[in-house]
Amino acid sequence: MSDPLAKLISLTAHQTQNGGTDKLVLARDGIEIEGPISMGTGDEFDFDKQDLVPFQQQLELVLIAEHPGQGPSNLGSVIIRADELNRGQLTQQFRGGGALYDLAYKVI
């Protein structure tokens, strides 16, 4: 059996870190997967051109805000698990630093 693949669908900003615009990077194991993405409250980013992300038992994704003149700020992480295979579109939240983002994805 081959390893599962995560298909990232969208990232929705319900609340940015400082109420303005966040410059975001989505990372795995310290390696950037997507970004920088600029998002304000209510914005949605579609991962149309994002490659499928292979993983084994689980995949941890971290959302990082980068603001000029400040160090990066971790806005939380989500764990995508292999047992979510073929469960359709799922959503998890990044919460941290006053921010709230939804990540929609599928495991195929």
PDB file of N, CA and C in Angstrom:
ATOM      1  N   MET A   1       0.851  -1.186   0.000  1.00  0.00           N
ATOM      2  CA  MET A   1       0.000   0.000   0.000  1.00  0.00           C
ATOM      3  C   MET A   1       0.889   1.240   0.000  1.00  0.00           C
ATOM      4  N   SER A   2       0.555   2.201  -0.816  1.00  0.00           N
ATOM      5  CA  SER A   2       1.360   3.416  -0.894  1.00  0.00           C
ATOM      6  C   SER A   2       1.000   4.373   0.240  1.00  0.00           C
ATOM      7  N   ASP A   3       1.885   5.319   0.475  1.00  0.00           N
ATOM      8  CA  ASP A   3       1.665   6.317   1.518  1.00  0.00           C
ATOM      9  C   ASP A   3       0.480   7.208   1.153  1.00  0.00           C
ATOM     10  N   PRO A   4      -0.261   7.683   2.164  1.00  0.00           N
ATOM     11  CA  PRO A   4      -1.362   8.612   1.883  1.00  0.00           C
ATOM     12  C   PRO A   4      -0.823   9.964   1.412  1.00  0.00           C
ATOM     13  N   LEU A   5      -1.687  10.718   0.776  1.00  0.00           N
ATOM     14  CA  LEU A   5      -1.359  12.047   0.277  1.00  0.00           C
ATOM     15  C   LEU A   5      -2.341  13.049   0.857  1.00  0.00           C
ATOM     16  N   ALA A   6      -1.839  14.192   1.290  1.00  0.00           N
ATOM     17  CA  ALA A   6      -2.699  15.278   1.756  1.00  0.00           C
ATOM     18  C   ALA A   6      -2.907  16.240   0.598  1.00  0.00           C
ATOM     19  N   LYS A   7      -4.171  16.542   0.317  1.00  0.00           N
ATOM     20  CA  LYS A   7      -4.531  17.533  -0.690  1.00  0.00           C
ATOM     21  C   LYS A   7      -5.056  18.745   0.057  1.00  0.00           C
ATOM     22  N   LEU A   8      -4.253  19.815   0.106  1.00  0.00           N
ATOM     23  CA  LEU A   8      -4.675  21.039   0.769  1.00  0.00           C
ATOM     24  C   LEU A   8      -5.670  21.759  -0.146  1.00  0.00           C
ATOM     25  N   ILE A   9      -6.789  22.198   0.423  1.00  0.00           N
ATOM     26  CA  ILE A   9      -7.849  22.811  -0.382  1.00  0.00           C
ATOM     27  C   ILE A   9      -7.897  24.318  -0.182  1.00  0.00           C
ATOM     28  N   SER A  10      -8.055  24.763   1.066  1.00  0.00           N
ATOM     29  CA  SER A  10      -8.142  26.203   1.306  1.00  0.00           C
ATOM     30  C   SER A  10      -7.732  26.555   2.732  1.00  0.00           C
ATOM     31  N   LEU A  11      -7.339  27.812   2.891  1.00  0.00           N
ATOM     32  CA  LEU A  11      -7.013  28.390   4.190  1.00  0.00           C
ATOM     33  C   LEU A  11      -7.881  29.628   4.339  1.00  0.00           C
ATOM     34  N   THR A  12      -8.677  29.688   5.410  1.00  0.00           N
ATOM     35  CA  THR A  12      -9.597  30.799   5.638  1.00  0.00           C
ATOM     36  C   THR A  12      -9.218  31.536   6.907  1.00  0.00           C
ATOM     37  N   ALA A  13      -9.113  32.862   6.807  1.00  0.00           N
ATOM     38  CA  ALA A  13      -8.767  33.700   7.966  1.00  0.00           C
ATOM     39  C   ALA A  13     -10.041  34.175   8.648  1.00  0.00           C
ATOM     40  N   HIS A  14     -10.288  33.675   9.853  1.00  0.00           N
ATOM     41  CA  HIS A  14     -11.425  34.157  10.642  1.00  0.00           C
ATOM     42  C   HIS A  14     -10.992  35.337  11.509  1.00  0.00           C
ATOM     43  N   GLN A  15      -9.732  35.320  11.939  1.00  0.00           N
ATOM     44  CA  GLN A  15      -9.154  36.417  12.723  1.00  0.00           C
ATOM     45  C   GLN A  15      -7.648  36.417  12.497  1.00  0.00           C
ATOM     46  N   THR A  16      -7.107  37.535  12.064  1.00  0.00           N
ATOM     47  CA  THR A  16      -5.666  37.636  11.897  1.00  0.00           C
ATOM     48  C   THR A  16      -5.017  37.916  13.249  1.00  0.00           C
ATOM     49  N   GLN A  17      -3.700  37.813  13.284  1.00  0.00           N
ATOM     50  CA  GLN A  17      -2.977  37.955  14.541  1.00  0.00           C
ATOM     51  C   GLN A  17      -3.162  39.326  15.174  1.00  0.00           C
ATOM     52  N   ASN A  18      -3.044  40.374  14.364  1.00  0.00           N
ATOM     53  CA  ASN A  18      -3.114  41.721  14.938  1.00  0.00           C
ATOM     54  C   ASN A  18      -4.313  42.515  14.427  1.00  0.00           C
ATOM     55  N   GLY A  19      -5.268  41.830  13.800  1.00  0.00           N
ATOM     56  CA  GLY A  19      -6.447  42.513  13.274  1.00  0.00           C
ATOM     57  C   GLY A  19      -6.228  43.144  11.922  1.00  0.00           C
ATOM     58  N   GLY A  20      -4.986  43.148  11.446  1.00  0.00           N
ATOM     59  CA  GLY A  20      -4.662  43.701  10.130  1.00  0.00           C
ATOM     60  C   GLY A  20      -4.424  42.582   9.139  1.00  0.00           C
ATOM     61  N   THR A  21      -3.284  42.637   8.476  1.00  0.00           N
ATOM     62  CA  THR A  21      -2.916  41.619   7.494  1.00  0.00           C
ATOM     63  C   THR A  21      -1.772  40.783   8.040  1.00  0.00           C
ATOM     64  N   ASP A  22      -1.919  39.456   7.942  1.00  0.00           N
ATOM     65  CA  ASP A  22      -0.845  38.539   8.303  1.00  0.00           C
ATOM     66  C   ASP A  22      -0.121  38.105   7.037  1.00  0.00           C
ATOM     67  N   LYS A  23       1.195  38.030   7.120  1.00  0.00           N
ATOM     68  CA  LYS A  23       2.005  37.448   6.061  1.00  0.00           C
ATOM     69  C   LYS A  23       2.356  36.051   6.557  1.00  0.00           C
ATOM     70  N   LEU A  24       1.817  35.030   5.898  1.00  0.00           N
ATOM     71  CA  LEU A  24       1.853  33.668   6.408  1.00  0.00           C
ATOM     72  C   LEU A  24       2.741  32.744   5.599  1.00  0.00           C
ATOM     73  N   VAL A  25       3.306  31.770   6.299  1.00  0.00           N
ATOM     74  CA  VAL A  25       4.041  30.673   5.684  1.00  0.00           C
ATOM     75  C   VAL A  25       3.493  29.386   6.293  1.00  0.00           C
ATOM     76  N   LEU A  26       3.185  28.420   5.455  1.00  0.00           N
ATOM     77  CA  LEU A  26       2.766  27.103   5.900  1.00  0.00           C
ATOM     78  C   LEU A  26       3.962  26.177   5.747  1.00  0.00           C
ATOM     79  N   ALA A  27       4.343  25.507   6.832  1.00  0.00           N
ATOM     80  CA  ALA A  27       5.572  24.711   6.815  1.00  0.00           C
ATOM     81  C   ALA A  27       5.345  23.302   7.348  1.00  0.00           C
ATOM     82  N   ARG A  28       6.249  22.424   6.936  1.00  0.00           N
ATOM     83  CA  ARG A  28       6.292  21.035   7.398  1.00  0.00           C
ATOM     84  C   ARG A  28       7.749  20.721   7.732  1.00  0.00           C
ATOM     85  N   ASP A  29       7.996  20.275   8.945  1.00  0.00           N
ATOM     86  CA  ASP A  29       9.357  19.930   9.368  1.00  0.00           C
ATOM     87  C   ASP A  29      10.341  21.067   9.108  1.00  0.00           C
ATOM     88  N   GLY A  30       9.891  22.309   9.315  1.00  0.00           N
ATOM     89  CA  GLY A  30      10.750  23.465   9.113  1.00  0.00           C
ATOM     90  C   GLY A  30      10.951  23.856   7.662  1.00  0.00           C
ATOM     91  N   ILE A  31      10.280  23.161   6.744  1.00  0.00           N
ATOM     92  CA  ILE A  31      10.407  23.445   5.311  1.00  0.00           C
ATOM     93  C   ILE A  31       9.117  24.081   4.820  1.00  0.00           C
ATOM     94  N   GLU A  32       9.240  25.216   4.147  1.00  0.00           N
ATOM     95  CA  GLU A  32       8.081  25.943   3.626  1.00  0.00           C
ATOM     96  C   GLU A  32       7.364  25.120   2.565  1.00  0.00           C
ATOM     97  N   ILE A  33       6.049  24.985   2.727  1.00  0.00           N
ATOM     98  CA  ILE A  33       5.210  24.321   1.727  1.00  0.00           C
ATOM     99  C   ILE A  33       4.530  25.365   0.850  1.00  0.00           C
ATOM    100  N   GLU A  34       4.082  26.437   1.483  1.00  0.00           N
ATOM    101  CA  GLU A  34       3.364  27.492   0.762  1.00  0.00           C
ATOM    102  C   GLU A  34       3.639  28.826   1.434  1.00  0.00           C
ATOM    103  N   GLY A  35       3.753  29.873   0.642  1.00  0.00           N
ATOM    104  CA  GLY A  35       3.898  31.204   1.203  1.00  0.00           C
ATOM    105  C   GLY A  35       5.099  31.929   0.640  1.00  0.00           C
ATOM    106  N   PRO A  36       5.234  33.170   1.021  1.00  0.00           N
ATOM    107  CA  PRO A  36       4.356  33.890   1.933  1.00  0.00           C
ATOM    108  C   PRO A  36       3.015  34.234   1.292  1.00  0.00           C
ATOM    109  N   ILE A  37       1.975  34.170   2.116  1.00  0.00           N
ATOM    110  CA  ILE A  37       0.608  34.478   1.723  1.00  0.00           C
ATOM    111  C   ILE A  37       0.168  35.669   2.579  1.00  0.00           C
ATOM    112  N   SER A  38      -0.369  36.711   1.976  1.00  0.00           N
ATOM    113  CA  SER A  38      -0.904  37.840   2.744  1.00  0.00           C
ATOM    114  C   SER A  38      -2.405  37.653   2.884  1.00  0.00           C
ATOM    115  N   MET A  39      -2.886  37.651   4.136  1.00  0.00           N
ATOM    116  CA  MET A  39      -4.312  37.438   4.388  1.00  0.00           C
ATOM    117  C   MET A  39      -4.829  38.383   5.452  1.00  0.00           C
ATOM    118  N   GLY A  40      -6.020  38.890   5.231  1.00  0.00           N
ATOM    119  CA  GLY A  40      -6.739  39.684   6.214  1.00  0.00           C
ATOM    120  C   GLY A  40      -7.958  38.910   6.684  1.00  0.00           C
ATOM    121  N   THR A  41      -8.594  39.386   7.742  1.00  0.00           N
ATOM    122  CA  THR A  41      -9.781  38.725   8.270  1.00  0.00           C
ATOM    123  C   THR A  41     -10.835  38.582   7.180  1.00  0.00           C
ATOM    124  N   GLY A  42     -11.360  37.363   7.028  1.00  0.00           N
ATOM    125  CA  GLY A  42     -12.373  37.078   6.009  1.00  0.00           C
ATOM    126  C   GLY A  42     -11.809  36.585   4.694  1.00  0.00           C
ATOM    127  N   ASP A  43     -10.483  36.663   4.501  1.00  0.00           N
ATOM    128  CA  ASP A  43      -9.873  36.202   3.247  1.00  0.00           C
ATOM    129  C   ASP A  43      -9.807  34.680   3.200  1.00  0.00           C
ATOM    130  N   GLU A  44      -9.824  34.142   1.970  1.00  0.00           N
ATOM    131  CA  GLU A  44      -9.637  32.714   1.750  1.00  0.00           C
ATOM    132  C   GLU A  44      -8.570  32.521   0.689  1.00  0.00           C
ATOM    133  N   PHE A  45      -7.644  31.610   0.956  1.00  0.00           N
ATOM    134  CA  PHE A  45      -6.595  31.272   0.003  1.00  0.00           C
ATOM    135  C   PHE A  45      -6.864  29.860  -0.505  1.00  0.00           C
ATOM    136  N   ASP A  46      -6.912  29.693  -1.833  1.00  0.00           N
ATOM    137  CA  ASP A  46      -7.115  28.381  -2.442  1.00  0.00           C
ATOM    138  C   ASP A  46      -5.778  27.786  -2.850  1.00  0.00           C
ATOM    139  N   PHE A  47      -5.576  26.525  -2.509  1.00  0.00           N
ATOM    140  CA  PHE A  47      -4.336  25.824  -2.823  1.00  0.00           C
ATOM    141  C   PHE A  47      -4.431  25.111  -4.173  1.00  0.00           C
ATOM    142  N   ASP A  48      -4.984  25.770  -5.178  1.00  0.00           N
ATOM    143  CA  ASP A  48      -5.200  25.149  -6.488  1.00  0.00           C
ATOM    144  C   ASP A  48      -3.934  24.546  -7.082  1.00  0.00           C
ATOM    145  N   LYS A  49      -2.814  25.225  -6.948  1.00  0.00           N
ATOM    146  CA  LYS A  49      -1.582  24.783  -7.610  1.00  0.00           C
ATOM    147  C   LYS A  49      -0.643  24.039  -6.671  1.00  0.00           C
ATOM    148  N   GLN A  50      -1.079  23.765  -5.452  1.00  0.00           N
ATOM    149  CA  GLN A  50      -0.249  23.074  -4.470  1.00  0.00           C
ATOM    150  C   GLN A  50      -0.180  21.581  -4.809  1.00  0.00           C
ATOM    151  N   ASP A  51       1.039  21.033  -4.814  1.00  0.00           N
ATOM    152  CA  ASP A  51       1.217  19.605  -5.039  1.00  0.00           C
ATOM    153  C   ASP A  51       0.624  18.813  -3.880  1.00  0.00           C
ATOM    154  N   LEU A  52       0.320  17.562  -4.142  1.00  0.00           N
ATOM    155  CA  LEU A  52      -0.092  16.661  -3.078  1.00  0.00           C
ATOM    156  C   LEU A  52       1.090  16.458  -2.139  1.00  0.00           C
ATOM    157  N   VAL A  53       0.833  16.345  -0.852  1.00  0.00           N
ATOM    158  CA  VAL A  53       1.894  16.216   0.141  1.00  0.00           C
ATOM    159  C   VAL A  53       1.890  14.778   0.670  1.00  0.00           C
ATOM    160  N   PRO A  54       2.935  13.985   0.334  1.00  0.00           N
ATOM    161  CA  PRO A  54       2.989  12.613   0.839  1.00  0.00           C
ATOM    162  C   PRO A  54       3.400  12.592   2.314  1.00  0.00           C
ATOM    163  N   PHE A  55       2.885  11.610   3.036  1.00  0.00           N
ATOM    164  CA  PHE A  55       3.280  11.430   4.431  1.00  0.00           C
ATOM    165  C   PHE A  55       3.021   9.986   4.818  1.00  0.00           C
ATOM    166  N   GLN A  56       3.434   9.618   6.023  1.00  0.00           N
ATOM    167  CA  GLN A  56       3.218   8.235   6.461  1.00  0.00           C
ATOM    168  C   GLN A  56       2.109   8.190   7.508  1.00  0.00           C
ATOM    169  N   GLN A  57       2.396   8.122   8.779  1.00  0.00           N
ATOM    170  CA  GLN A  57       1.360   8.013   9.806  1.00  0.00           C
ATOM    171  C   GLN A  57       0.628   9.339  10.043  1.00  0.00           C
ATOM    172  N   GLN A  58       1.399  10.426  10.092  1.00  0.00           N
ATOM    173  CA  GLN A  58       0.781  11.732  10.305  1.00  0.00           C
ATOM    174  C   GLN A  58       1.641  12.825   9.703  1.00  0.00           C
ATOM    175  N   LEU A  59       1.009  13.953   9.466  1.00  0.00           N
ATOM    176  CA  LEU A  59       1.657  15.114   8.872  1.00  0.00           C
ATOM    177  C   LEU A  59       1.331  16.312   9.753  1.00  0.00           C
ATOM    178  N   GLU A  60       2.356  16.961  10.291  1.00  0.00           N
ATOM    179  CA  GLU A  60       2.138  18.167  11.085  1.00  0.00           C
ATOM    180  C   GLU A  60       2.451  19.379  10.229  1.00  0.00           C
ATOM    181  N   LEU A  61       1.483  20.272  10.116  1.00  0.00           N
ATOM    182  CA  LEU A  61       1.661  21.524   9.397  1.00  0.00           C
ATOM    183  C   LEU A  61       1.620  22.663  10.407  1.00  0.00           C
ATOM    184  N   VAL A  62       2.525  23.616  10.243  1.00  0.00           N
ATOM    185  CA  VAL A  62       2.632  24.758  11.147  1.00  0.00           C
ATOM    186  C   VAL A  62       2.359  26.032  10.351  1.00  0.00           C
ATOM    187  N   LEU A  63       1.562  26.936  10.930  1.00  0.00           N
ATOM    188  CA  LEU A  63       1.274  28.221  10.302  1.00  0.00           C
ATOM    189  C   LEU A  63       2.064  29.292  11.041  1.00  0.00           C
ATOM    190  N   ILE A  64       2.873  30.039  10.305  1.00  0.00           N
ATOM    191  CA  ILE A  64       3.769  31.034  10.887  1.00  0.00           C
ATOM    192  C   ILE A  64       3.458  32.400  10.295  1.00  0.00           C
ATOM    193  N   ALA A  65       3.325  33.399  11.162  1.00  0.00           N
ATOM    194  CA  ALA A  65       3.133  34.786  10.716  1.00  0.00           C
ATOM    195  C   ALA A  65       4.481  35.482  10.750  1.00  0.00           C
ATOM    196  N   GLU A  66       4.788  36.195   9.672  1.00  0.00           N
ATOM    197  CA  GLU A  66       6.030  36.953   9.572  1.00  0.00           C
ATOM    198  C   GLU A  66       5.667  38.427   9.440  1.00  0.00           C
ATOM    199  N   HIS A  67       6.003  39.218  10.454  1.00  0.00           N
ATOM    200  CA  HIS A  67       5.720  40.648  10.429  1.00  0.00           C
ATOM    201  C   HIS A  67       7.044  41.403  10.415  1.00  0.00           C
ATOM    202  N   PRO A  68       7.206  42.375   9.506  1.00  0.00           N
ATOM    203  CA  PRO A  68       8.463  43.120   9.416  1.00  0.00           C
ATOM    204  C   PRO A  68       8.865  43.721  10.760  1.00  0.00           C
ATOM    205  N   GLY A  69      10.147  43.602  11.084  1.00  0.00           N
ATOM    206  CA  GLY A  69      10.672  44.170  12.314  1.00  0.00           C
ATOM    207  C   GLY A  69      10.415  43.331  13.546  1.00  0.00           C
ATOM    208  N   GLN A  70       9.750  42.194  13.381  1.00  0.00           N
ATOM    209  CA  GLN A  70       9.473  41.289  14.486  1.00  0.00           C
ATOM    210  C   GLN A  70       9.913  39.886  14.091  1.00  0.00           C
ATOM    211  N   GLY A  71      10.118  39.037  15.073  1.00  0.00           N
ATOM    212  CA  GLY A  71      10.424  37.649  14.775  1.00  0.00           C
ATOM    213  C   GLY A  71       9.176  36.916  14.317  1.00  0.00           C
ATOM    214  N   PRO A  72       9.342  35.744  13.697  1.00  0.00           N
ATOM    215  CA  PRO A  72       8.187  34.964  13.278  1.00  0.00           C
ATOM    216  C   PRO A  72       7.361  34.527  14.484  1.00  0.00           C
ATOM    217  N   SER A  73       6.065  34.382  14.284  1.00  0.00           N
ATOM    218  CA  SER A  73       5.142  34.003  15.348  1.00  0.00           C
ATOM    219  C   SER A  73       4.383  32.748  14.923  1.00  0.00           C
ATOM    220  N   ASN A  74       4.459  31.692  15.740  1.00  0.00           N
ATOM    221  CA  ASN A  74       3.759  30.451  15.445  1.00  0.00           C
ATOM    222  C   ASN A  74       2.273  30.636  15.740  1.00  0.00           C
ATOM    223  N   LEU A  75       1.434  30.449  14.728  1.00  0.00           N
ATOM    224  CA  LEU A  75      -0.004  30.597  14.881  1.00  0.00           C
ATOM    225  C   LEU A  75      -0.696  29.253  15.096  1.00  0.00           C
ATOM    226  N   GLY A  76       0.075  28.238  15.416  1.00  0.00           N
ATOM    227  CA  GLY A  76      -0.485  26.929  15.711  1.00  0.00           C
ATOM    228  C   GLY A  76      -0.135  25.895  14.669  1.00  0.00           C
ATOM    229  N   SER A  77      -0.554  24.676  14.955  1.00  0.00           N
ATOM    230  CA  SER A  77      -0.292  23.571  14.040  1.00  0.00           C
ATOM    231  C   SER A  77      -1.519  22.677  13.961  1.00  0.00           C
ATOM    232  N   VAL A  78      -1.580  21.891  12.908  1.00  0.00           N
ATOM    233  CA  VAL A  78      -2.604  20.864  12.751  1.00  0.00           C
ATOM    234  C   VAL A  78      -1.896  19.555  12.429  1.00  0.00           C
ATOM    235  N   ILE A  79      -2.524  18.465  12.827  1.00  0.00           N
ATOM    236  CA  ILE A  79      -2.016  17.134  12.531  1.00  0.00           C
ATOM    237  C   ILE A  79      -3.000  16.463  11.580  1.00  0.00           C
ATOM    238  N   ILE A  80      -2.516  16.094  10.406  1.00  0.00           N
ATOM    239  CA  ILE A  80      -3.304  15.331   9.441  1.00  0.00           C
ATOM    240  C   ILE A  80      -2.870  13.883   9.600  1.00  0.00           C
ATOM    241  N   ARG A  81      -3.838  12.983   9.793  1.00  0.00           N
ATOM    242  CA  ARG A  81      -3.528  11.589  10.091  1.00  0.00           C
ATOM    243  C   ARG A  81      -3.882  10.657   8.930  1.00  0.00           C
ATOM    244  N   ALA A  82      -3.125   9.581   8.811  1.00  0.00           N
ATOM    245  CA  ALA A  82      -3.364   8.592   7.764  1.00  0.00           C
ATOM    246  C   ALA A  82      -4.749   7.967   7.879  1.00  0.00           C
ATOM    247  N   ASP A  83      -5.300   7.853   9.104  1.00  0.00           N
ATOM    248  CA  ASP A  83      -6.619   7.234   9.258  1.00  0.00           C
ATOM    249  C   ASP A  83      -7.762   8.147   8.792  1.00  0.00           C
ATOM    250  N   GLU A  84      -7.438   9.339   8.293  1.00  0.00           N
ATOM    251  CA  GLU A  84      -8.444  10.227   7.697  1.00  0.00           C
ATOM    252  C   GLU A  84      -8.629   9.945   6.205  1.00  0.00           C
ATOM    253  N   LEU A  85      -7.956   8.915   5.715  1.00  0.00           N
ATOM    254  CA  LEU A  85      -8.009   8.528   4.304  1.00  0.00           C
ATOM    255  C   LEU A  85      -9.456   8.305   3.864  1.00  0.00           C
ATOM    256  N   ASN A  86      -9.805   8.893   2.731  1.00  0.00           N
ATOM    257  CA  ASN A  86     -11.115   8.725   2.086  1.00  0.00           C
ATOM    258  C   ASN A  86     -12.298   9.173   2.945  1.00  0.00           C
ATOM    259  N   ARG A  87     -12.092  10.137   3.831  1.00  0.00           N
ATOM    260  CA  ARG A  87     -13.189  10.666   4.649  1.00  0.00           C
ATOM    261  C   ARG A  87     -13.759  11.964   4.073  1.00  0.00           C
ATOM    262  N   GLY A  88     -13.352  12.303   2.860  1.00  0.00           N
ATOM    263  CA  GLY A  88     -13.853  13.521   2.226  1.00  0.00           C
ATOM    264  C   GLY A  88     -13.135  14.750   2.741  1.00  0.00           C
ATOM    265  N   GLN A  89     -13.729  15.906   2.492  1.00  0.00           N
ATOM    266  CA  GLN A  89     -13.111  17.164   2.916  1.00  0.00           C
ATOM    267  C   GLN A  89     -13.243  17.327   4.422  1.00  0.00           C
ATOM    268  N   LEU A  90     -12.119  17.637   5.066  1.00  0.00           N
ATOM    269  CA  LEU A  90     -12.050  17.836   6.509  1.00  0.00           C
ATOM    270  C   LEU A  90     -11.527  19.237   6.797  1.00  0.00           C
ATOM    271  N   THR A  91     -11.772  19.739   7.993  1.00  0.00           N
ATOM    272  CA  THR A  91     -11.306  21.068   8.383  1.00  0.00           C
ATOM    273  C   THR A  91     -10.699  21.002   9.777  1.00  0.00           C
ATOM    274  N   GLN A  92      -9.564  21.658   9.940  1.00  0.00           N
ATOM    275  CA  GLN A  92      -8.948  21.838  11.247  1.00  0.00           C
ATOM    276  C   GLN A  92      -8.584  23.308  11.400  1.00  0.00           C
ATOM    277  N   GLN A  93      -8.361  23.718  12.651  1.00  0.00           N
ATOM    278  CA  GLN A  93      -8.062  25.123  12.915  1.00  0.00           C
ATOM    279  C   GLN A  93      -6.647  25.330  13.425  1.00  0.00           C
ATOM    280  N   PHE A  94      -6.047  26.412  12.941  1.00  0.00           N
ATOM    281  CA  PHE A  94      -4.810  26.954  13.503  1.00  0.00           C
ATOM    282  C   PHE A  94      -5.251  28.024  14.491  1.00  0.00           C
ATOM    283  N   ARG A  95      -4.826  27.931  15.754  1.00  0.00           N
ATOM    284  CA  ARG A  95      -5.158  28.925  16.781  1.00  0.00           C
ATOM    285  C   ARG A  95      -3.869  29.309  17.488  1.00  0.00           C
ATOM    286  N   GLY A  96      -3.596  30.583  17.547  1.00  0.00           N
ATOM    287  CA  GLY A  96      -2.421  31.048  18.267  1.00  0.00           C
ATOM    288  C   GLY A  96      -2.169  32.510  18.016  1.00  0.00           C
ATOM    289  N   GLY A  97      -1.585  33.185  18.997  1.00  0.00           N
ATOM    290  CA  GLY A  97      -1.240  34.592  18.852  1.00  0.00           C
ATOM    291  C   GLY A  97      -2.440  35.473  18.560  1.00  0.00           C
ATOM    292  N   GLY A  98      -3.637  35.054  18.997  1.00  0.00           N
ATOM    293  CA  GLY A  98      -4.840  35.836  18.732  1.00  0.00           C
ATOM    294  C   GLY A  98      -5.446  35.585  17.363  1.00  0.00           C
ATOM    295  N   ALA A  99      -4.836  34.693  16.572  1.00  0.00           N
ATOM    296  CA  ALA A  99      -5.317  34.411  15.217  1.00  0.00           C
ATOM    297  C   ALA A  99      -6.147  33.132  15.190  1.00  0.00           C
ATOM    298  N   LEU A 100      -7.019  33.036  14.200  1.00  0.00           N
ATOM    299  CA  LEU A 100      -7.822  31.846  13.981  1.00  0.00           C
ATOM    300  C   LEU A 100      -7.967  31.622  12.482  1.00  0.00           C
ATOM    301  N   TYR A 101      -7.461  30.500  12.017  1.00  0.00           N
ATOM    302  CA  TYR A 101      -7.502  30.126  10.603  1.00  0.00           C
ATOM    303  C   TYR A 101      -8.051  28.713  10.467  1.00  0.00           C
ATOM    304  N   ASP A 102      -8.844  28.457   9.435  1.00  0.00           N
ATOM    305  CA  ASP A 102      -9.315  27.112   9.101  1.00  0.00           C
ATOM    306  C   ASP A 102      -8.538  26.591   7.906  1.00  0.00           C
ATOM    307  N   LEU A 103      -8.098  25.334   7.991  1.00  0.00           N
ATOM    308  CA  LEU A 103      -7.471  24.653   6.868  1.00  0.00           C
ATOM    309  C   LEU A 103      -8.398  23.539   6.427  1.00  0.00           C
ATOM    310  N   ALA A 104      -8.829  23.572   5.167  1.00  0.00           N
ATOM    311  CA  ALA A 104      -9.632  22.503   4.573  1.00  0.00           C
ATOM    312  C   ALA A 104      -8.695  21.625   3.752  1.00  0.00           C
ATOM    313  N   TYR A 105      -8.887  20.296   3.858  1.00  0.00           N
ATOM    314  CA  TYR A 105      -7.995  19.354   3.180  1.00  0.00           C
ATOM    315  C   TYR A 105      -8.697  18.009   2.998  1.00  0.00           C
ATOM    316  N   LYS A 106      -8.086  17.151   2.209  1.00  0.00           N
ATOM    317  CA  LYS A 106      -8.512  15.753   2.041  1.00  0.00           C
ATOM    318  C   LYS A 106      -7.274  14.885   2.166  1.00  0.00           C
ATOM    319  N   VAL A 107      -7.486  13.655   2.609  1.00  0.00           N
ATOM    320  CA  VAL A 107      -6.431  12.639   2.586  1.00  0.00           C
ATOM    321  C   VAL A 107      -6.851  11.613   1.560  1.00  0.00           C
ATOM    322  N   ILE A 108      -5.991  11.435   0.548  1.00  0.00           N
ATOM    323  CA  ILE A 108      -6.323  10.505  -0.554  1.00  0.00           C
ATOM    324  C   ILE A 108      -5.248   9.446  -0.699  1.00  0.00           C
TER     325      ILE A 108
END
